[in-house]
Amino acid sequence: MYFVDNENNYDASVNIALETYLVENRLVDEPILLFYINKPSIIVGRNQNTFEEINQSYVDEHGITVVRRMSGGGAVYHDLGNFSFCFIKDDDGSFRDFMSFTKPVVSALHKMGAKEAVLEGRNDLLIEGKKFSGNAMYAKNGRMTAHGTILFDADLDEVTNALKPNKAKIEGKGIKSIRSRVTNIKPYVDDQYKDLSTEEFRDKILLEIFGVDKREDVKEYHLTPEDWEKVYQIREERFGNWDWNYGQSPEFDIKAAKKFPIGFIDMRFAIKQGTIENVTIFGDFFGLGEIQDVEEALKGVKFERHAVKEVFDGVDLKKYFGNIESIDLVDMIFS
């Protein structure tokens, strides 16, 4: 097995593009192990509705990156206290065999003191009944990746804050995440590991998996400039692209309503491929124009905060609604 160093890249869209590149291109004749740590981000499953999984207003306010990965499963929150491991190899019929892929990680954790860590259910690593690692798989053209996360010292409050959409507003057809009780693994490891940074803990896991004492003894494939060029091309085409991360969401409907001083406004949206396919506006406000003008202006627009605000900025809202600003309507829709 070879290790691939991501060169301390913390951008989720780049790291997932790198993993995808290693799956879609057979660079070596042995399995590959890849680790990466992401800055605050939400990684959404391939078949999920991004809008249903995230707290969009919180994500926008805190600059959290949102990326749709290639594998199925549920949405997960990453930050600098969390690292991902990816075993990449030819698909030899072991797809869905999470036990074989998580065993090296579990064995390493046992040696580091977390002796109660186990694989439970289909694809989760638990300790004392609480989840510290979720795992998923993806296969393409005879190659596959089995990847998972390790909550080492993550901000668990942020997991809840970032992954808590307003379920009352959205009626969708995507595959929903199942929330579990989660924990960091840090409290369960031996004292000698508790003061390590996420990077240092990751490197200890690396040595345990390869059965060596020094980093230079790890068998490694070094990415070339040509490799990185192709990685960034994949990022541009997919993981750094709104159309991929949001626009690939299944169809869904959303309702946004609020009582303003000028009256009650109720907007019902039908969203397809991340774009407003239809919208109907109700309310008891007093407008001079035909509200269908506003509805028509919104059709075909990305269901995204800035795009919708741009439409409202170009409309004489006082004519149609009364004394209200575009930001008021945008906050109503995306809060």
C-alpha atoms as a PDB file:
ATOM      1  CA  MET A   1       0.000   0.000   0.000  1.00  0.00           C
ATOM      2  CA  TYR A   2       1.126   3.546  -0.790  1.00  0.00           C
ATOM      3  CA  PHE A   3       0.423   6.715   1.165  1.00  0.00           C
ATOM      4  CA  VAL A   4      -0.416   9.917  -0.725  1.00  0.00           C
ATOM      5  CA  ASP A   5       0.336  13.184   1.069  1.00  0.00           C
ATOM      6  CA  ASN A   6      -2.151  15.961   0.245  1.00  0.00           C
ATOM      7  CA  GLU A   7       0.545  18.524   1.104  1.00  0.00           C
ATOM      8  CA  ASN A   8      -1.425  20.065   3.984  1.00  0.00           C
ATOM      9  CA  ASN A   9      -4.280  21.264   1.808  1.00  0.00           C
ATOM     10  CA  TYR A  10      -7.295  22.205   3.938  1.00  0.00           C
ATOM     11  CA  ASP A  11      -9.751  23.087   1.146  1.00  0.00           C
ATOM     12  CA  ALA A  12     -12.558  20.498   1.082  1.00  0.00           C
ATOM     13  CA  SER A  13     -13.237  20.975  -2.622  1.00  0.00           C
ATOM     14  CA  VAL A  14      -9.574  20.309  -3.454  1.00  0.00           C
ATOM     15  CA  ASN A  15      -9.255  17.333  -1.115  1.00  0.00           C
ATOM     16  CA  ILE A  16     -12.351  15.625  -2.478  1.00  0.00           C
ATOM     17  CA  ALA A  17     -11.161  16.347  -6.010  1.00  0.00           C
ATOM     18  CA  LEU A  18      -7.830  14.701  -5.105  1.00  0.00           C
ATOM     19  CA  GLU A  19      -9.583  11.619  -3.749  1.00  0.00           C
ATOM     20  CA  THR A  20     -11.733  11.435  -6.887  1.00  0.00           C
ATOM     21  CA  TYR A  21      -8.660  11.736  -9.093  1.00  0.00           C
ATOM     22  CA  LEU A  22      -6.992   8.835  -7.281  1.00  0.00           C
ATOM     23  CA  VAL A  23     -10.123   6.716  -7.755  1.00  0.00           C
ATOM     24  CA  GLU A  24     -10.569   7.557 -11.417  1.00  0.00           C
ATOM     25  CA  ASN A  25      -6.878   7.097 -12.317  1.00  0.00           C
ATOM     26  CA  ARG A  26      -4.794   4.026 -11.496  1.00  0.00           C
ATOM     27  CA  LEU A  27      -1.444   5.617 -10.590  1.00  0.00           C
ATOM     28  CA  VAL A  28       0.093   2.629  -8.791  1.00  0.00           C
ATOM     29  CA  ASP A  29      -0.435  -1.125  -8.720  1.00  0.00           C
ATOM     30  CA  GLU A  30      -1.258  -1.242  -5.003  1.00  0.00           C
ATOM     31  CA  PRO A  31      -3.937   0.261  -2.744  1.00  0.00           C
ATOM     32  CA  ILE A  32      -3.565   3.903  -1.677  1.00  0.00           C
ATOM     33  CA  LEU A  33      -4.163   5.548   1.681  1.00  0.00           C
ATOM     34  CA  LEU A  34      -5.066   9.239   1.675  1.00  0.00           C
ATOM     35  CA  PHE A  35      -5.642  11.491   4.695  1.00  0.00           C
ATOM     36  CA  TYR A  36      -7.014  15.017   4.654  1.00  0.00           C
ATOM     37  CA  ILE A  37      -8.212  17.668   7.086  1.00  0.00           C
ATOM     38  CA  ASN A  38     -10.733  20.275   5.965  1.00  0.00           C
ATOM     39  CA  LYS A  39     -11.445  23.772   7.156  1.00  0.00           C
ATOM     40  CA  PRO A  40     -15.069  24.124   8.355  1.00  0.00           C
ATOM     41  CA  SER A  41     -17.195  22.479   5.683  1.00  0.00           C
ATOM     42  CA  ILE A  42     -20.237  20.321   5.092  1.00  0.00           C
ATOM     43  CA  ILE A  43     -19.797  17.293   2.876  1.00  0.00           C
ATOM     44  CA  VAL A  44     -23.109  16.216   1.369  1.00  0.00           C
ATOM     45  CA  GLY A  45     -23.871  12.713   0.088  1.00  0.00           C
ATOM     46  CA  ARG A  46     -24.152  12.180  -3.660  1.00  0.00           C
ATOM     47  CA  ASN A  47     -27.925  11.597  -3.639  1.00  0.00           C
ATOM     48  CA  GLN A  48     -28.919  14.190  -1.082  1.00  0.00           C
ATOM     49  CA  ASN A  49     -30.727  17.494  -1.358  1.00  0.00           C
ATOM     50  CA  THR A  50     -28.165  20.032  -0.151  1.00  0.00           C
ATOM     51  CA  PHE A  51     -30.879  22.525   0.813  1.00  0.00           C
ATOM     52  CA  GLU A  52     -32.522  19.965   3.099  1.00  0.00           C
ATOM     53  CA  GLU A  53     -29.311  19.066   4.909  1.00  0.00           C
ATOM     54  CA  ILE A  54     -27.765  22.386   5.875  1.00  0.00           C
ATOM     55  CA  ASN A  55     -28.598  25.490   7.837  1.00  0.00           C
ATOM     56  CA  GLN A  56     -27.971  27.819   4.890  1.00  0.00           C
ATOM     57  CA  SER A  57     -28.079  31.101   6.791  1.00  0.00           C
ATOM     58  CA  TYR A  58     -25.608  29.766   9.369  1.00  0.00           C
ATOM     59  CA  VAL A  59     -23.373  28.388   6.619  1.00  0.00           C
ATOM     60  CA  ASP A  60     -23.354  31.765   4.841  1.00  0.00           C
ATOM     61  CA  GLU A  61     -22.725  33.725   8.025  1.00  0.00           C
ATOM     62  CA  HIS A  62     -19.765  31.561   9.086  1.00  0.00           C
ATOM     63  CA  GLY A  63     -18.178  30.995   5.681  1.00  0.00           C
ATOM     64  CA  ILE A  64     -18.605  27.214   5.782  1.00  0.00           C
ATOM     65  CA  THR A  65     -17.745  25.437   2.534  1.00  0.00           C
ATOM     66  CA  VAL A  66     -20.373  23.068   1.091  1.00  0.00           C
ATOM     67  CA  VAL A  67     -19.252  20.217  -1.178  1.00  0.00           C
ATOM     68  CA  ARG A  68     -21.170  17.290  -2.667  1.00  0.00           C
ATOM     69  CA  ARG A  69     -19.021  14.156  -2.713  1.00  0.00           C
ATOM     70  CA  MET A  70     -19.201  11.223  -5.127  1.00  0.00           C
ATOM     71  CA  SER A  71     -20.283   8.621  -2.565  1.00  0.00           C
ATOM     72  CA  GLY A  72     -23.714   8.101  -1.057  1.00  0.00           C
ATOM     73  CA  GLY A  73     -24.633   8.340   2.607  1.00  0.00           C
ATOM     74  CA  GLY A  74     -25.449  11.330   4.762  1.00  0.00           C
ATOM     75  CA  ALA A  75     -24.125  14.837   5.255  1.00  0.00           C
ATOM     76  CA  VAL A  76     -21.202  15.340   7.652  1.00  0.00           C
ATOM     77  CA  TYR A  77     -19.564  18.392   9.192  1.00  0.00           C
ATOM     78  CA  HIS A  78     -15.776  18.767   8.994  1.00  0.00           C
ATOM     79  CA  ASP A  79     -13.481  21.162  10.812  1.00  0.00           C
ATOM     80  CA  LEU A  80      -9.829  21.263  11.833  1.00  0.00           C
ATOM     81  CA  GLY A  81     -10.511  18.847  14.691  1.00  0.00           C
ATOM     82  CA  ASN A  82     -11.657  16.170  12.266  1.00  0.00           C
ATOM     83  CA  PHE A  83      -9.682  14.187   9.697  1.00  0.00           C
ATOM     84  CA  SER A  84     -10.713  11.888   6.863  1.00  0.00           C
ATOM     85  CA  PHE A  85      -9.130   8.610   5.786  1.00  0.00           C
ATOM     86  CA  CYS A  86      -9.571   7.088   2.333  1.00  0.00           C
ATOM     87  CA  PHE A  87      -8.562   3.604   1.201  1.00  0.00           C
ATOM     88  CA  ILE A  88      -8.441   3.583  -2.607  1.00  0.00           C
ATOM     89  CA  LYS A  89      -7.971   0.423  -4.648  1.00  0.00           C
ATOM     90  CA  ASP A  90      -9.190  -1.693  -7.534  1.00  0.00           C
ATOM     91  CA  ASP A  91     -12.703  -2.966  -6.918  1.00  0.00           C
ATOM     92  CA  ASP A  92     -12.140  -6.634  -6.128  1.00  0.00           C
ATOM     93  CA  GLY A  93     -15.685  -7.319  -4.937  1.00  0.00           C
ATOM     94  CA  SER A  94     -15.204  -5.770  -1.507  1.00  0.00           C
ATOM     95  CA  PHE A  95     -17.625  -2.911  -2.138  1.00  0.00           C
ATOM     96  CA  ARG A  96     -19.880  -2.477   0.933  1.00  0.00           C
ATOM     97  CA  ASP A  97     -17.454  -4.503   3.086  1.00  0.00           C
ATOM     98  CA  PHE A  98     -16.890  -1.743   5.632  1.00  0.00           C
ATOM     99  CA  MET A  99     -15.384  -4.159   8.133  1.00  0.00           C
ATOM    100  CA  SER A 100     -12.297  -4.867   6.027  1.00  0.00           C
ATOM    101  CA  PHE A 101     -11.612  -1.182   5.379  1.00  0.00           C
ATOM    102  CA  THR A 102     -12.197   0.149   8.875  1.00  0.00           C
ATOM    103  CA  LYS A 103     -10.270  -2.658  10.606  1.00  0.00           C
ATOM    104  CA  PRO A 104      -6.816  -1.000  10.228  1.00  0.00           C
ATOM    105  CA  VAL A 105      -8.144   2.239  11.712  1.00  0.00           C
ATOM    106  CA  VAL A 106      -9.930   0.480  14.575  1.00  0.00           C
ATOM    107  CA  SER A 107      -6.795  -1.582  15.325  1.00  0.00           C
ATOM    108  CA  ALA A 108      -4.690   1.597  15.451  1.00  0.00           C
ATOM    109  CA  LEU A 109      -7.165   3.230  17.833  1.00  0.00           C
ATOM    110  CA  HIS A 110      -7.133   0.167  20.069  1.00  0.00           C
ATOM    111  CA  LYS A 111      -3.330   0.410  20.332  1.00  0.00           C
ATOM    112  CA  MET A 112      -3.697   4.078  21.254  1.00  0.00           C
ATOM    113  CA  GLY A 113      -6.047   3.335  24.130  1.00  0.00           C
ATOM    114  CA  ALA A 114      -9.522   3.567  22.577  1.00  0.00           C
ATOM    115  CA  LYS A 115     -10.137  -0.147  23.094  1.00  0.00           C
ATOM    116  CA  GLU A 116     -13.941   0.093  22.983  1.00  0.00           C
ATOM    117  CA  ALA A 117     -14.003   1.474  19.429  1.00  0.00           C
ATOM    118  CA  VAL A 118     -16.043  -0.827  17.164  1.00  0.00           C
ATOM    119  CA  LEU A 119     -17.821  -0.940  13.829  1.00  0.00           C
ATOM    120  CA  GLU A 120     -21.555  -1.105  14.486  1.00  0.00           C
ATOM    121  CA  GLY A 121     -24.436  -1.262  12.072  1.00  0.00           C
ATOM    122  CA  ARG A 122     -23.592  -0.852   8.421  1.00  0.00           C
ATOM    123  CA  ASN A 123     -20.920   1.830   8.356  1.00  0.00           C
ATOM    124  CA  ASP A 124     -20.386   3.682  11.649  1.00  0.00           C
ATOM    125  CA  LEU A 125     -17.555   3.521  14.178  1.00  0.00           C
ATOM    126  CA  LEU A 126     -18.828   3.908  17.731  1.00  0.00           C
ATOM    127  CA  ILE A 127     -17.422   4.078  21.225  1.00  0.00           C
ATOM    128  CA  GLU A 128     -19.672   3.658  24.262  1.00  0.00           C
ATOM    129  CA  GLY A 129     -22.659   3.872  21.924  1.00  0.00           C
ATOM    130  CA  LYS A 130     -21.645   7.223  20.448  1.00  0.00           C
ATOM    131  CA  LYS A 131     -20.520   7.779  16.862  1.00  0.00           C
ATOM    132  CA  PHE A 132     -17.076   9.200  16.129  1.00  0.00           C
ATOM    133  CA  SER A 133     -16.745   8.052  12.509  1.00  0.00           C
ATOM    134  CA  GLY A 134     -19.121   7.712   9.571  1.00  0.00           C
ATOM    135  CA  ASN A 135     -18.049   5.798   6.465  1.00  0.00           C
ATOM    136  CA  ALA A 136     -19.114   5.609   2.830  1.00  0.00           C
ATOM    137  CA  MET A 137     -17.967   4.080  -0.472  1.00  0.00           C
ATOM    138  CA  TYR A 138     -17.800   5.024  -4.125  1.00  0.00           C
ATOM    139  CA  ALA A 139     -16.827   2.940  -7.152  1.00  0.00           C
ATOM    140  CA  LYS A 140     -16.222   3.812 -10.789  1.00  0.00           C
ATOM    141  CA  ASN A 141     -14.719   1.903 -13.722  1.00  0.00           C
ATOM    142  CA  GLY A 142     -13.320  -0.889 -11.581  1.00  0.00           C
ATOM    143  CA  ARG A 143     -11.838   1.419  -8.938  1.00  0.00           C
ATOM    144  CA  MET A 144     -13.240   2.289  -5.521  1.00  0.00           C
ATOM    145  CA  THR A 145     -12.718   4.314  -2.382  1.00  0.00           C
ATOM    146  CA  ALA A 146     -13.823   3.498   1.144  1.00  0.00           C
ATOM    147  CA  HIS A 147     -13.620   6.666   3.178  1.00  0.00           C
ATOM    148  CA  GLY A 148     -14.526   7.825   6.639  1.00  0.00           C
ATOM    149  CA  THR A 149     -14.070  10.576   9.178  1.00  0.00           C
ATOM    150  CA  ILE A 150     -12.495  10.606  12.628  1.00  0.00           C
ATOM    151  CA  LEU A 151     -13.838  13.135  15.119  1.00  0.00           C
ATOM    152  CA  PHE A 152     -10.730  13.794  17.199  1.00  0.00           C
ATOM    153  CA  ASP A 153     -11.224  17.256  18.692  1.00  0.00           C
ATOM    154  CA  ALA A 154     -14.032  18.705  16.574  1.00  0.00           C
ATOM    155  CA  ASP A 155     -16.424  21.422  17.726  1.00  0.00           C
ATOM    156  CA  LEU A 156     -19.492  19.265  18.273  1.00  0.00           C
ATOM    157  CA  ASP A 157     -21.753  22.290  18.742  1.00  0.00           C
ATOM    158  CA  GLU A 158     -20.944  23.320  15.186  1.00  0.00           C
ATOM    159  CA  VAL A 159     -22.061  19.906  13.935  1.00  0.00           C
ATOM    160  CA  THR A 160     -25.523  20.710  15.255  1.00  0.00           C
ATOM    161  CA  ASN A 161     -25.525  24.360  14.201  1.00  0.00           C
ATOM    162  CA  ALA A 162     -24.438  23.763  10.612  1.00  0.00           C
ATOM    163  CA  LEU A 163     -26.573  20.677   9.999  1.00  0.00           C
ATOM    164  CA  LYS A 164     -29.905  21.949  11.269  1.00  0.00           C
ATOM    165  CA  PRO A 165     -32.084  23.196   8.397  1.00  0.00           C
ATOM    166  CA  ASN A 166     -35.614  24.479   8.886  1.00  0.00           C
ATOM    167  CA  LYS A 167     -37.438  21.220   8.152  1.00  0.00           C
ATOM    168  CA  ALA A 168     -40.830  22.945   8.348  1.00  0.00           C
ATOM    169  CA  LYS A 169     -40.020  24.969   5.235  1.00  0.00           C
ATOM    170  CA  ILE A 170     -38.770  22.271   2.895  1.00  0.00           C
ATOM    171  CA  GLU A 171     -40.561  19.295   1.395  1.00  0.00           C
ATOM    172  CA  GLY A 172     -38.070  17.340  -0.674  1.00  0.00           C
ATOM    173  CA  LYS A 173     -37.250  14.033  -2.297  1.00  0.00           C
ATOM    174  CA  GLY A 174     -33.588  13.639  -1.338  1.00  0.00           C
ATOM    175  CA  ILE A 175     -32.108  10.950   0.900  1.00  0.00           C
ATOM    176  CA  LYS A 176     -32.140  12.336   4.438  1.00  0.00           C
ATOM    177  CA  SER A 177     -29.284  12.100   6.926  1.00  0.00           C
ATOM    178  CA  ILE A 178     -29.925  10.196  10.131  1.00  0.00           C
ATOM    179  CA  ARG A 179     -28.534  12.110  13.090  1.00  0.00           C
ATOM    180  CA  SER A 180     -26.776  10.096  15.803  1.00  0.00           C
ATOM    181  CA  ARG A 181     -25.198  10.949  19.118  1.00  0.00           C
ATOM    182  CA  VAL A 182     -21.630  11.882  18.318  1.00  0.00           C
ATOM    183  CA  THR A 183     -18.421  12.193  20.299  1.00  0.00           C
ATOM    184  CA  ASN A 184     -14.767  12.976  19.818  1.00  0.00           C
ATOM    185  CA  ILE A 185     -12.337  10.081  20.170  1.00  0.00           C
ATOM    186  CA  LYS A 186      -9.824  12.257  22.054  1.00  0.00           C
ATOM    187  CA  PRO A 187     -11.207  11.577  25.575  1.00  0.00           C
ATOM    188  CA  TYR A 188     -10.825   7.818  25.031  1.00  0.00           C
ATOM    189  CA  VAL A 189      -7.192   7.582  23.915  1.00  0.00           C
ATOM    190  CA  ASP A 190      -4.190   7.254  26.232  1.00  0.00           C
ATOM    191  CA  ASP A 191      -2.927  10.406  27.924  1.00  0.00           C
ATOM    192  CA  GLN A 192       0.160  10.604  25.690  1.00  0.00           C
ATOM    193  CA  TYR A 193      -2.132  11.325  22.708  1.00  0.00           C
ATOM    194  CA  LYS A 194      -4.575  13.781  24.306  1.00  0.00           C
ATOM    195  CA  ASP A 195      -2.426  16.894  23.791  1.00  0.00           C
ATOM    196  CA  LEU A 196      -1.662  16.180  20.150  1.00  0.00           C
ATOM    197  CA  SER A 197      -2.937  18.387  17.338  1.00  0.00           C
ATOM    198  CA  THR A 198      -5.229  16.801  14.773  1.00  0.00           C
ATOM    199  CA  GLU A 199      -2.271  16.590  12.370  1.00  0.00           C
ATOM    200  CA  GLU A 200      -0.075  14.895  14.976  1.00  0.00           C
ATOM    201  CA  PHE A 201      -2.788  12.410  15.878  1.00  0.00           C
ATOM    202  CA  ARG A 202      -3.380  11.681  12.192  1.00  0.00           C
ATOM    203  CA  ASP A 203       0.343  10.992  11.751  1.00  0.00           C
ATOM    204  CA  LYS A 204       0.320   8.554  14.688  1.00  0.00           C
ATOM    205  CA  ILE A 205      -2.539   6.672  13.029  1.00  0.00           C
ATOM    206  CA  LEU A 206      -0.524   6.634   9.799  1.00  0.00           C
ATOM    207  CA  LEU A 207       2.484   5.013  11.493  1.00  0.00           C
ATOM    208  CA  GLU A 208       0.268   2.437  13.191  1.00  0.00           C
ATOM    209  CA  ILE A 209      -1.433   1.463   9.923  1.00  0.00           C
ATOM    210  CA  PHE A 210       1.902   1.043   8.123  1.00  0.00           C
ATOM    211  CA  GLY A 211       3.538  -0.632  11.119  1.00  0.00           C
ATOM    212  CA  VAL A 212       6.584   1.674  11.152  1.00  0.00           C
ATOM    213  CA  ASP A 213       8.164   4.009  13.696  1.00  0.00           C
ATOM    214  CA  LYS A 214       9.183   6.899  11.456  1.00  0.00           C
ATOM    215  CA  ARG A 215       7.363   8.952   8.833  1.00  0.00           C
ATOM    216  CA  GLU A 216      10.174   8.475   6.288  1.00  0.00           C
ATOM    217  CA  ASP A 217       9.602   4.710   6.425  1.00  0.00           C
ATOM    218  CA  VAL A 218       6.051   5.036   5.086  1.00  0.00           C
ATOM    219  CA  LYS A 219       5.796   3.882   1.487  1.00  0.00           C
ATOM    220  CA  GLU A 220       4.641   6.901  -0.497  1.00  0.00           C
ATOM    221  CA  TYR A 221       3.529   7.990  -3.946  1.00  0.00           C
ATOM    222  CA  HIS A 222       4.499  11.621  -4.552  1.00  0.00           C
ATOM    223  CA  LEU A 223       2.017  13.655  -6.567  1.00  0.00           C
ATOM    224  CA  THR A 224       3.522  15.362  -9.617  1.00  0.00           C
ATOM    225  CA  PRO A 225       2.673  18.853 -10.912  1.00  0.00           C
ATOM    226  CA  GLU A 226       0.738  17.110 -13.689  1.00  0.00           C
ATOM    227  CA  ASP A 227      -1.273  15.202 -11.079  1.00  0.00           C
ATOM    228  CA  TRP A 228      -2.159  18.419  -9.264  1.00  0.00           C
ATOM    229  CA  GLU A 229      -3.166  20.090 -12.519  1.00  0.00           C
ATOM    230  CA  LYS A 230      -5.683  17.319 -13.141  1.00  0.00           C
ATOM    231  CA  VAL A 231      -6.910  17.505  -9.550  1.00  0.00           C
ATOM    232  CA  TYR A 232      -7.685  21.211  -9.916  1.00  0.00           C
ATOM    233  CA  GLN A 233      -9.423  20.549 -13.211  1.00  0.00           C
ATOM    234  CA  ILE A 234     -11.744  18.093 -11.437  1.00  0.00           C
ATOM    235  CA  ARG A 235     -12.307  20.674  -8.710  1.00  0.00           C
ATOM    236  CA  GLU A 236     -13.352  23.302 -11.244  1.00  0.00           C
ATOM    237  CA  GLU A 237     -15.667  20.899 -13.056  1.00  0.00           C
ATOM    238  CA  ARG A 238     -17.337  19.525  -9.943  1.00  0.00           C
ATOM    239  CA  PHE A 239     -16.498  20.221  -6.330  1.00  0.00           C
ATOM    240  CA  GLY A 240     -15.817  23.943  -6.568  1.00  0.00           C
ATOM    241  CA  ASN A 241     -18.939  24.469  -8.649  1.00  0.00           C
ATOM    242  CA  TRP A 242     -22.360  25.625  -7.343  1.00  0.00           C
ATOM    243  CA  ASP A 243     -24.144  23.635 -10.041  1.00  0.00           C
ATOM    244  CA  TRP A 244     -22.595  20.436  -8.684  1.00  0.00           C
ATOM    245  CA  ASN A 245     -22.843  21.156  -4.970  1.00  0.00           C
ATOM    246  CA  TYR A 246     -26.372  22.619  -5.022  1.00  0.00           C
ATOM    247  CA  GLY A 247     -27.774  22.240  -8.520  1.00  0.00           C
ATOM    248  CA  GLN A 248     -27.514  18.446  -8.432  1.00  0.00           C
ATOM    249  CA  SER A 249     -30.104  18.328  -5.630  1.00  0.00           C
ATOM    250  CA  PRO A 250     -33.339  16.405  -6.282  1.00  0.00           C
ATOM    251  CA  GLU A 251     -36.519  18.415  -6.865  1.00  0.00           C
ATOM    252  CA  PHE A 252     -38.108  19.960  -3.799  1.00  0.00           C
ATOM    253  CA  ASP A 253     -40.677  22.512  -2.698  1.00  0.00           C
ATOM    254  CA  ILE A 254     -40.128  25.231  -0.146  1.00  0.00           C
ATOM    255  CA  LYS A 255     -42.440  27.608   1.698  1.00  0.00           C
ATOM    256  CA  ALA A 256     -41.262  30.912   3.164  1.00  0.00           C
ATOM    257  CA  ALA A 257     -43.714  33.126   5.043  1.00  0.00           C
ATOM    258  CA  LYS A 258     -43.536  36.026   7.475  1.00  0.00           C
ATOM    259  CA  LYS A 259     -45.651  38.809   8.928  1.00  0.00           C
ATOM    260  CA  PHE A 260     -44.185  42.224   8.073  1.00  0.00           C
ATOM    261  CA  PRO A 261     -45.490  45.713   8.997  1.00  0.00           C
ATOM    262  CA  ILE A 262     -46.837  45.977   5.452  1.00  0.00           C
ATOM    263  CA  GLY A 263     -48.698  42.666   5.755  1.00  0.00           C
ATOM    264  CA  PHE A 264     -48.264  38.903   5.554  1.00  0.00           C
ATOM    265  CA  ILE A 265     -46.130  37.506   2.693  1.00  0.00           C
ATOM    266  CA  ASP A 266     -46.151  33.819   1.755  1.00  0.00           C
ATOM    267  CA  MET A 267     -43.942  32.488  -1.069  1.00  0.00           C
ATOM    268  CA  ARG A 268     -44.113  28.906  -2.382  1.00  0.00           C
ATOM    269  CA  PHE A 269     -41.215  27.720  -4.564  1.00  0.00           C
ATOM    270  CA  ALA A 270     -40.777  24.632  -6.747  1.00  0.00           C
ATOM    271  CA  ILE A 271     -37.045  23.972  -7.192  1.00  0.00           C
ATOM    272  CA  LYS A 272     -35.557  21.742  -9.883  1.00  0.00           C
ATOM    273  CA  GLN A 273     -31.803  21.247 -10.381  1.00  0.00           C
ATOM    274  CA  GLY A 274     -31.198  24.066  -7.925  1.00  0.00           C
ATOM    275  CA  THR A 275     -33.202  26.533 -10.020  1.00  0.00           C
ATOM    276  CA  ILE A 276     -36.598  28.146  -9.362  1.00  0.00           C
ATOM    277  CA  GLU A 277     -38.972  26.379 -11.718  1.00  0.00           C
ATOM    278  CA  ASN A 278     -42.119  27.977 -10.361  1.00  0.00           C
ATOM    279  CA  VAL A 279     -43.112  30.369  -7.583  1.00  0.00           C
ATOM    280  CA  THR A 280     -46.438  31.588  -6.246  1.00  0.00           C
ATOM    281  CA  ILE A 281     -46.749  34.571  -3.912  1.00  0.00           C
ATOM    282  CA  PHE A 282     -49.659  34.998  -1.494  1.00  0.00           C
ATOM    283  CA  GLY A 283     -50.396  37.535   1.226  1.00  0.00           C
ATOM    284  CA  ASP A 284     -52.549  40.347   2.570  1.00  0.00           C
ATOM    285  CA  PHE A 285     -50.177  43.157   1.567  1.00  0.00           C
ATOM    286  CA  PHE A 286     -51.442  46.019  -0.596  1.00  0.00           C
ATOM    287  CA  GLY A 287     -49.754  46.109  -4.003  1.00  0.00           C
ATOM    288  CA  LEU A 288     -50.340  48.302  -7.027  1.00  0.00           C
ATOM    289  CA  GLY A 289     -48.864  46.005  -9.683  1.00  0.00           C
ATOM    290  CA  GLU A 290     -49.612  42.446 -10.716  1.00  0.00           C
ATOM    291  CA  ILE A 291     -47.695  40.117  -8.373  1.00  0.00           C
ATOM    292  CA  GLN A 292     -47.248  37.731 -11.308  1.00  0.00           C
ATOM    293  CA  ASP A 293     -44.568  40.170 -12.556  1.00  0.00           C
ATOM    294  CA  VAL A 294     -42.416  39.322  -9.530  1.00  0.00           C
ATOM    295  CA  GLU A 295     -43.138  35.610  -9.914  1.00  0.00           C
ATOM    296  CA  GLU A 296     -42.019  35.673 -13.547  1.00  0.00           C
ATOM    297  CA  ALA A 297     -38.832  37.561 -12.658  1.00  0.00           C
ATOM    298  CA  LEU A 298     -37.870  34.790 -10.217  1.00  0.00           C
ATOM    299  CA  LYS A 299     -38.428  31.863 -12.579  1.00  0.00           C
ATOM    300  CA  GLY A 300     -35.250  30.312 -13.937  1.00  0.00           C
ATOM    301  CA  VAL A 301     -33.072  31.937 -11.254  1.00  0.00           C
ATOM    302  CA  LYS A 302     -30.679  29.897  -9.093  1.00  0.00           C
ATOM    303  CA  PHE A 303     -32.199  29.226  -5.679  1.00  0.00           C
ATOM    304  CA  GLU A 304     -29.286  30.974  -4.049  1.00  0.00           C
ATOM    305  CA  ARG A 305     -29.238  33.996  -1.761  1.00  0.00           C
ATOM    306  CA  HIS A 306     -27.279  36.401  -3.952  1.00  0.00           C
ATOM    307  CA  ALA A 307     -29.093  35.475  -7.173  1.00  0.00           C
ATOM    308  CA  VAL A 308     -32.524  35.933  -5.596  1.00  0.00           C
ATOM    309  CA  LYS A 309     -31.499  39.229  -3.981  1.00  0.00           C
ATOM    310  CA  GLU A 310     -30.299  40.477  -7.360  1.00  0.00           C
ATOM    311  CA  VAL A 311     -33.793  39.851  -8.774  1.00  0.00           C
ATOM    312  CA  PHE A 312     -35.449  41.693  -5.892  1.00  0.00           C
ATOM    313  CA  ASP A 313     -32.977  44.571  -6.230  1.00  0.00           C
ATOM    314  CA  GLY A 314     -34.157  44.976  -9.815  1.00  0.00           C
ATOM    315  CA  VAL A 315     -37.841  45.043  -8.892  1.00  0.00           C
ATOM    316  CA  ASP A 316     -39.801  48.032  -7.553  1.00  0.00           C
ATOM    317  CA  LEU A 317     -40.779  46.225  -4.371  1.00  0.00           C
ATOM    318  CA  LYS A 318     -42.693  49.181  -2.969  1.00  0.00           C
ATOM    319  CA  LYS A 319     -44.997  49.008  -5.983  1.00  0.00           C
ATOM    320  CA  TYR A 320     -45.790  45.328  -5.497  1.00  0.00           C
ATOM    321  CA  PHE A 321     -45.582  44.901  -1.709  1.00  0.00           C
ATOM    322  CA  GLY A 322     -45.325  48.260   0.036  1.00  0.00           C
ATOM    323  CA  ASN A 323     -42.459  49.597   2.154  1.00  0.00           C
ATOM    324  CA  ILE A 324     -40.132  46.576   2.247  1.00  0.00           C
ATOM    325  CA  GLU A 325     -36.489  46.018   1.281  1.00  0.00           C
ATOM    326  CA  SER A 326     -35.014  43.187  -0.780  1.00  0.00           C
ATOM    327  CA  ILE A 327     -32.912  42.007   2.187  1.00  0.00           C
ATOM    328  CA  ASP A 328     -36.117  41.475   4.209  1.00  0.00           C
ATOM    329  CA  LEU A 329     -37.494  39.074   1.611  1.00  0.00           C
ATOM    330  CA  VAL A 330     -34.171  37.296   1.149  1.00  0.00           C
ATOM    331  CA  ASP A 331     -33.806  36.756   4.894  1.00  0.00           C
ATOM    332  CA  MET A 332     -37.342  35.368   5.015  1.00  0.00           C
ATOM    333  CA  ILE A 333     -36.554  32.843   2.265  1.00  0.00           C
ATOM    334  CA  PHE A 334     -33.091  31.710   3.310  1.00  0.00           C
ATOM    335  CA  SER A 335     -33.197  31.933   7.105  1.00  0.00           C
END
